[in-house]
All heavy atoms as atom14 arrays in JSON, in Angstrom:
{
  "sequence": "HVINVKPGQTVSVDVPADAEGEWAFHCHLLY",
  "atom14_mask": [
    [1, 1, 1, 1, 1, 1, 1, 1, 1, 1, 0, 0, 0, 0],
    [1, 1, 1, 1, 1, 1, 1, 0, 0, 0, 0, 0, 0, 0],
    [1, 1, 1, 1, 1, 1, 1, 1, 0, 0, 0, 0, 0, 0],
    [1, 1, 1, 1, 1, 1, 1, 1, 0, 0, 0, 0, 0, 0],
    [1, 1, 1, 1, 1, 1, 1, 0, 0, 0, 0, 0, 0, 0],
    [1, 1, 1, 1, 1, 1, 1, 1, 1, 0, 0, 0, 0, 0],
    [1, 1, 1, 1, 1, 1, 1, 0, 0, 0, 0, 0, 0, 0],
    [1, 1, 1, 1, 0, 0, 0, 0, 0, 0, 0, 0, 0, 0],
    [1, 1, 1, 1, 1, 1, 1, 1, 1, 0, 0, 0, 0, 0],
    [1, 1, 1, 1, 1, 1, 1, 0, 0, 0, 0, 0, 0, 0],
    [1, 1, 1, 1, 1, 1, 1, 0, 0, 0, 0, 0, 0, 0],
    [1, 1, 1, 1, 1, 1, 0, 0, 0, 0, 0, 0, 0, 0],
    [1, 1, 1, 1, 1, 1, 1, 0, 0, 0, 0, 0, 0, 0],
    [1, 1, 1, 1, 1, 1, 1, 1, 0, 0, 0, 0, 0, 0],
    [1, 1, 1, 1, 1, 1, 1, 0, 0, 0, 0, 0, 0, 0],
    [1, 1, 1, 1, 1, 1, 1, 0, 0, 0, 0, 0, 0, 0],
    [1, 1, 1, 1, 1, 0, 0, 0, 0, 0, 0, 0, 0, 0],
    [1, 1, 1, 1, 1, 1, 1, 1, 0, 0, 0, 0, 0, 0],
    [1, 1, 1, 1, 1, 0, 0, 0, 0, 0, 0, 0, 0, 0],
    [1, 1, 1, 1, 1, 1, 1, 1, 1, 0, 0, 0, 0, 0],
    [1, 1, 1, 1, 0, 0, 0, 0, 0, 0, 0, 0, 0, 0],
    [1, 1, 1, 1, 1, 1, 1, 1, 1, 0, 0, 0, 0, 0],
    [1, 1, 1, 1, 1, 1, 1, 1, 1, 1, 1, 1, 1, 1],
    [1, 1, 1, 1, 1, 0, 0, 0, 0, 0, 0, 0, 0, 0],
    [1, 1, 1, 1, 1, 1, 1, 1, 1, 1, 1, 0, 0, 0],
    [1, 1, 1, 1, 1, 1, 1, 1, 1, 1, 0, 0, 0, 0],
    [1, 1, 1, 1, 1, 1, 0, 0, 0, 0, 0, 0, 0, 0],
    [1, 1, 1, 1, 1, 1, 1, 1, 1, 1, 0, 0, 0, 0],
    [1, 1, 1, 1, 1, 1, 1, 1, 0, 0, 0, 0, 0, 0],
    [1, 1, 1, 1, 1, 1, 1, 1, 0, 0, 0, 0, 0, 0],
    [1, 1, 1, 1, 1, 1, 1, 1, 1, 1, 1, 1, 0, 0]
  ],
  "atom14_positions": [
    [[52.43, -17.28, -7.62], [51.32, -17.74, -8.29], [51.59, -17.62, -9.9], [50.81, -18.31, -10.58], [49.95, -17.19, -7.99], [49.9, -15.74, -8.05], [50.13, -14.83, -9.08], [49.77, -14.86, -6.93], [50.04, -13.68, -8.7], [49.92, -13.58, -7.52], [0.0, 0.0, 0.0], [0.0, 0.0, 0.0], [0.0, 0.0, 0.0], [0.0, 0.0, 0.0]],
    [[52.58, -16.89, -10.23], [53.02, -16.68, -11.65], [54.56, -16.86, -11.78], [55.18, -16.17, -10.94], [52.46, -15.36, -12.22], [53.05, -15.14, -13.69], [51.02, -15.23, -12.28], [0.0, 0.0, 0.0], [0.0, 0.0, 0.0], [0.0, 0.0, 0.0], [0.0, 0.0, 0.0], [0.0, 0.0, 0.0], [0.0, 0.0, 0.0], [0.0, 0.0, 0.0]],
    [[54.88, -17.72, -12.71], [56.35, -17.8, -12.9], [56.61, -17.36, -14.38], [55.97, -18.13, -15.33], [56.77, -19.27, -12.84], [56.54, -19.78, -11.43], [58.3, -19.36, -13.14], [57.3, -18.91, -10.32], [0.0, 0.0, 0.0], [0.0, 0.0, 0.0], [0.0, 0.0, 0.0], [0.0, 0.0, 0.0], [0.0, 0.0, 0.0], [0.0, 0.0, 0.0]],
    [[57.34, -16.42, -14.65], [57.68, -15.94, -16.03], [58.81, -16.78, -16.48], [59.91, -16.75, -15.9], [57.96, -14.39, -16.06], [58.21, -14.05, -17.44], [57.26, -14.06, -18.3], [59.35, -13.37, -17.83], [0.0, 0.0, 0.0], [0.0, 0.0, 0.0], [0.0, 0.0, 0.0], [0.0, 0.0, 0.0], [0.0, 0.0, 0.0], [0.0, 0.0, 0.0]],
    [[58.64, -17.46, -17.69], [59.65, -18.22, -18.26], [60.25, -17.58, -19.48], [59.39, -17.47, -20.51], [59.18, -19.62, -18.5], [60.36, -20.6, -19.03], [58.51, -20.31, -17.37], [0.0, 0.0, 0.0], [0.0, 0.0, 0.0], [0.0, 0.0, 0.0], [0.0, 0.0, 0.0], [0.0, 0.0, 0.0], [0.0, 0.0, 0.0], [0.0, 0.0, 0.0]],
    [[61.43, -17.08, -19.49], [62.03, -16.44, -20.75], [62.29, -17.3, -21.84], [62.24, -18.49, -21.71], [63.28, -15.75, -20.23], [63.19, -14.87, -18.94], [64.54, -14.31, -18.7], [64.59, -13.85, -17.24], [65.99, -13.41, -16.78], [0.0, 0.0, 0.0], [0.0, 0.0, 0.0], [0.0, 0.0, 0.0], [0.0, 0.0, 0.0], [0.0, 0.0, 0.0]],
    [[62.4, -16.74, -23.08], [62.74, -17.44, -24.21], [63.95, -18.39, -24.08], [64.99, -17.95, -23.58], [63.05, -16.42, -25.27], [62.39, -15.13, -24.79], [62.35, -15.27, -23.34], [0.0, 0.0, 0.0], [0.0, 0.0, 0.0], [0.0, 0.0, 0.0], [0.0, 0.0, 0.0], [0.0, 0.0, 0.0], [0.0, 0.0, 0.0], [0.0, 0.0, 0.0]],
    [[63.83, -19.68, -24.45], [64.95, -20.59, -24.49], [65.31, -21.02, -23.01], [66.35, -21.7, -22.9], [0.0, 0.0, 0.0], [0.0, 0.0, 0.0], [0.0, 0.0, 0.0], [0.0, 0.0, 0.0], [0.0, 0.0, 0.0], [0.0, 0.0, 0.0], [0.0, 0.0, 0.0], [0.0, 0.0, 0.0], [0.0, 0.0, 0.0], [0.0, 0.0, 0.0]],
    [[64.59, -20.61, -22.06], [64.99, -21.02, -20.69], [64.21, -22.14, -20.1], [63.0, -22.49, -20.51], [64.64, -19.77, -19.9], [65.21, -19.78, -18.46], [64.73, -18.48, -17.57], [63.55, -18.36, -17.37], [65.66, -17.68, -17.32], [0.0, 0.0, 0.0], [0.0, 0.0, 0.0], [0.0, 0.0, 0.0], [0.0, 0.0, 0.0], [0.0, 0.0, 0.0]],
    [[64.85, -22.86, -19.21], [64.23, -23.99, -18.42], [64.15, -23.65, -16.96], [65.17, -23.23, -16.4], [64.98, -25.28, -18.7], [64.99, -25.66, -19.98], [64.29, -26.4, -17.85], [0.0, 0.0, 0.0], [0.0, 0.0, 0.0], [0.0, 0.0, 0.0], [0.0, 0.0, 0.0], [0.0, 0.0, 0.0], [0.0, 0.0, 0.0], [0.0, 0.0, 0.0]],
    [[63.01, -23.67, -16.41], [62.71, -23.35, -15.0], [61.97, -24.42, -14.38], [61.1, -25.13, -14.97], [61.89, -21.99, -14.97], [61.54, -21.63, -13.56], [62.58, -20.81, -15.66], [0.0, 0.0, 0.0], [0.0, 0.0, 0.0], [0.0, 0.0, 0.0], [0.0, 0.0, 0.0], [0.0, 0.0, 0.0], [0.0, 0.0, 0.0], [0.0, 0.0, 0.0]],
    [[62.38, -24.74, -13.06], [61.71, -25.81, -12.32], [61.01, -25.14, -11.03], [61.48, -24.14, -10.46], [62.79, -26.8, -11.85], [63.16, -27.55, -12.91], [0.0, 0.0, 0.0], [0.0, 0.0, 0.0], [0.0, 0.0, 0.0], [0.0, 0.0, 0.0], [0.0, 0.0, 0.0], [0.0, 0.0, 0.0], [0.0, 0.0, 0.0], [0.0, 0.0, 0.0]],
    [[59.86, -25.63, -10.75], [58.96, -25.3, -9.68], [58.52, -26.44, -8.86], [58.35, -27.48, -9.44], [57.94, -24.41, -10.08], [58.26, -22.99, -10.74], [56.79, -25.11, -10.83], [0.0, 0.0, 0.0], [0.0, 0.0, 0.0], [0.0, 0.0, 0.0], [0.0, 0.0, 0.0], [0.0, 0.0, 0.0], [0.0, 0.0, 0.0], [0.0, 0.0, 0.0]],
    [[58.39, -26.4, -7.61], [57.74, -27.43, -6.76], [56.35, -26.95, -6.4], [56.1, -25.85, -5.98], [58.55, -27.63, -5.36], [59.87, -28.31, -5.72], [59.92, -29.4, -6.32], [60.95, -27.73, -5.31], [0.0, 0.0, 0.0], [0.0, 0.0, 0.0], [0.0, 0.0, 0.0], [0.0, 0.0, 0.0], [0.0, 0.0, 0.0], [0.0, 0.0, 0.0]],
    [[55.4, -27.9, -6.65], [53.92, -27.47, -6.45], [53.25, -28.62, -5.45], [53.13, -29.66, -5.87], [53.21, -27.6, -7.76], [51.66, -27.24, -7.61], [53.82, -26.62, -8.76], [0.0, 0.0, 0.0], [0.0, 0.0, 0.0], [0.0, 0.0, 0.0], [0.0, 0.0, 0.0], [0.0, 0.0, 0.0], [0.0, 0.0, 0.0], [0.0, 0.0, 0.0]],
    [[53.1, -28.17, -4.25], [52.35, -29.13, -3.32], [50.89, -29.29, -3.78], [50.23, -28.24, -3.96], [52.46, -28.47, -1.98], [53.57, -27.45, -2.04], [53.55, -27.04, -3.55], [0.0, 0.0, 0.0], [0.0, 0.0, 0.0], [0.0, 0.0, 0.0], [0.0, 0.0, 0.0], [0.0, 0.0, 0.0], [0.0, 0.0, 0.0], [0.0, 0.0, 0.0]],
    [[50.47, -30.39, -4.0], [49.06, -30.58, -4.37], [48.16, -30.62, -3.19], [47.66, -31.63, -2.68], [48.93, -31.96, -5.35], [0.0, 0.0, 0.0], [0.0, 0.0, 0.0], [0.0, 0.0, 0.0], [0.0, 0.0, 0.0], [0.0, 0.0, 0.0], [0.0, 0.0, 0.0], [0.0, 0.0, 0.0], [0.0, 0.0, 0.0], [0.0, 0.0, 0.0]],
    [[47.95, -29.55, -2.69], [47.31, -29.42, -1.33], [45.81, -28.9, -1.33], [45.25, -28.56, -0.37], [48.0, -28.61, -0.33], [48.32, -27.23, -0.93], [47.89, -26.84, -2.05], [49.17, -26.46, -0.24], [0.0, 0.0, 0.0], [0.0, 0.0, 0.0], [0.0, 0.0, 0.0], [0.0, 0.0, 0.0], [0.0, 0.0, 0.0], [0.0, 0.0, 0.0]],
    [[45.21, -28.82, -2.65], [43.9, -28.54, -2.79], [43.21, -29.41, -3.79], [43.6, -29.25, -4.97], [43.8, -26.93, -3.04], [0.0, 0.0, 0.0], [0.0, 0.0, 0.0], [0.0, 0.0, 0.0], [0.0, 0.0, 0.0], [0.0, 0.0, 0.0], [0.0, 0.0, 0.0], [0.0, 0.0, 0.0], [0.0, 0.0, 0.0], [0.0, 0.0, 0.0]],
    [[42.38, -30.24, -3.43], [41.76, -31.08, -4.43], [40.86, -30.32, -5.33], [40.2, -29.29, -5.04], [40.97, -32.18, -3.73], [39.81, -31.69, -2.92], [38.87, -32.92, -2.52], [38.43, -33.72, -3.3], [38.62, -33.0, -1.18], [0.0, 0.0, 0.0], [0.0, 0.0, 0.0], [0.0, 0.0, 0.0], [0.0, 0.0, 0.0], [0.0, 0.0, 0.0]],
    [[40.47, -30.93, -6.5], [39.61, -30.34, -7.45], [40.12, -30.13, -8.86], [41.26, -30.7, -9.16], [0.0, 0.0, 0.0], [0.0, 0.0, 0.0], [0.0, 0.0, 0.0], [0.0, 0.0, 0.0], [0.0, 0.0, 0.0], [0.0, 0.0, 0.0], [0.0, 0.0, 0.0], [0.0, 0.0, 0.0], [0.0, 0.0, 0.0], [0.0, 0.0, 0.0]],
    [[39.44, -29.37, -9.65], [39.98, -29.2, -11.01], [40.35, -27.77, -11.17], [39.57, -26.76, -10.86], [38.94, -29.6, -11.96], [38.45, -31.02, -11.91], [37.38, -31.49, -12.9], [37.02, -30.66, -13.72], [36.93, -32.68, -12.81], [0.0, 0.0, 0.0], [0.0, 0.0, 0.0], [0.0, 0.0, 0.0], [0.0, 0.0, 0.0], [0.0, 0.0, 0.0]],
    [[41.59, -27.59, -11.63], [42.17, -26.22, -11.75], [42.65, -25.74, -13.14], [43.23, -26.68, -13.93], [43.32, -26.25, -10.81], [43.05, -26.58, -9.38], [43.22, -27.67, -8.8], [42.35, -25.59, -8.35], [42.85, -27.66, -7.39], [42.22, -26.51, -7.08], [41.82, -24.39, -8.48], [41.68, -25.83, -6.01], [41.3, -23.71, -7.26], [41.12, -24.55, -6.08]],
    [[42.63, -24.61, -13.43], [43.12, -24.18, -14.74], [44.65, -24.02, -14.56], [45.22, -23.59, -13.4], [42.55, -22.72, -15.09], [0.0, 0.0, 0.0], [0.0, 0.0, 0.0], [0.0, 0.0, 0.0], [0.0, 0.0, 0.0], [0.0, 0.0, 0.0], [0.0, 0.0, 0.0], [0.0, 0.0, 0.0], [0.0, 0.0, 0.0], [0.0, 0.0, 0.0]],
    [[45.49, -24.12, -15.64], [46.85, -24.17, -15.71], [47.23, -23.57, -17.08], [47.04, -24.27, -18.04], [47.25, -25.54, -15.43], [48.86, -25.91, -15.31], [49.25, -27.14, -14.86], [49.75, -24.9, -15.47], [50.68, -27.42, -14.68], [51.05, -25.13, -15.41], [51.56, -26.36, -14.93], [0.0, 0.0, 0.0], [0.0, 0.0, 0.0], [0.0, 0.0, 0.0]],
    [[47.83, -22.31, -17.11], [47.92, -21.84, -18.37], [49.04, -20.64, -18.34], [49.42, -20.15, -17.37], [46.58, -21.2, -18.79], [45.99, -20.29, -17.92], [46.31, -18.82, -18.03], [45.11, -20.32, -16.86], [45.56, -18.16, -17.09], [44.9, -19.0, -16.34], [0.0, 0.0, 0.0], [0.0, 0.0, 0.0], [0.0, 0.0, 0.0], [0.0, 0.0, 0.0]],
    [[49.39, -20.21, -19.59], [50.15, -19.07, -19.92], [49.19, -17.91, -19.59], [48.06, -17.89, -20.12], [50.69, -19.01, -21.3], [51.53, -17.37, -21.62], [0.0, 0.0, 0.0], [0.0, 0.0, 0.0], [0.0, 0.0, 0.0], [0.0, 0.0, 0.0], [0.0, 0.0, 0.0], [0.0, 0.0, 0.0], [0.0, 0.0, 0.0], [0.0, 0.0, 0.0]],
    [[49.69, -16.77, -18.92], [48.65, -15.78, -18.53], [48.65, -14.75, -19.68], [47.93, -13.65, -19.54], [48.97, -15.08, -17.2], [47.82, -14.68, -16.49], [47.07, -13.57, -16.77], [47.05, -15.21, -15.47], [46.03, -13.37, -16.05], [46.03, -14.41, -15.11], [0.0, 0.0, 0.0], [0.0, 0.0, 0.0], [0.0, 0.0, 0.0], [0.0, 0.0, 0.0]],
    [[49.39, -14.79, -20.76], [49.13, -13.99, -21.91], [47.8, -14.28, -22.59], [47.68, -15.48, -23.07], [50.36, -14.2, -22.87], [51.76, -13.63, -22.38], [52.73, -13.82, -23.51], [51.7, -12.28, -21.87], [0.0, 0.0, 0.0], [0.0, 0.0, 0.0], [0.0, 0.0, 0.0], [0.0, 0.0, 0.0], [0.0, 0.0, 0.0], [0.0, 0.0, 0.0]],
    [[46.87, -13.47, -22.73], [45.49, -13.72, -22.96], [45.44, -14.5, -24.34], [44.64, -15.49, -24.39], [44.69, -12.47, -23.0], [43.19, -12.69, -23.29], [42.58, -13.53, -22.27], [42.53, -11.19, -23.36], [0.0, 0.0, 0.0], [0.0, 0.0, 0.0], [0.0, 0.0, 0.0], [0.0, 0.0, 0.0], [0.0, 0.0, 0.0], [0.0, 0.0, 0.0]],
    [[46.18, -13.91, -25.36], [46.07, -14.63, -26.64], [46.67, -15.88, -26.82], [46.44, -16.75, -27.5], [46.59, -13.69, -27.73], [45.65, -12.19, -27.72], [46.29, -11.14, -27.33], [44.39, -12.36, -28.13], [45.51, -9.85, -27.51], [43.48, -11.25, -28.18], [44.2, -9.96, -27.85], [43.38, -8.85, -27.88], [0.0, 0.0, 0.0], [0.0, 0.0, 0.0]]
  ]
}
């Protein structure tokens, strides 16, 4: 549920859209 992306790095993830609705999508560092 969390993917940490390091500085200067490119990362790919596959996300099945299996739950309809409106969802938050964000960096989990609060600030």
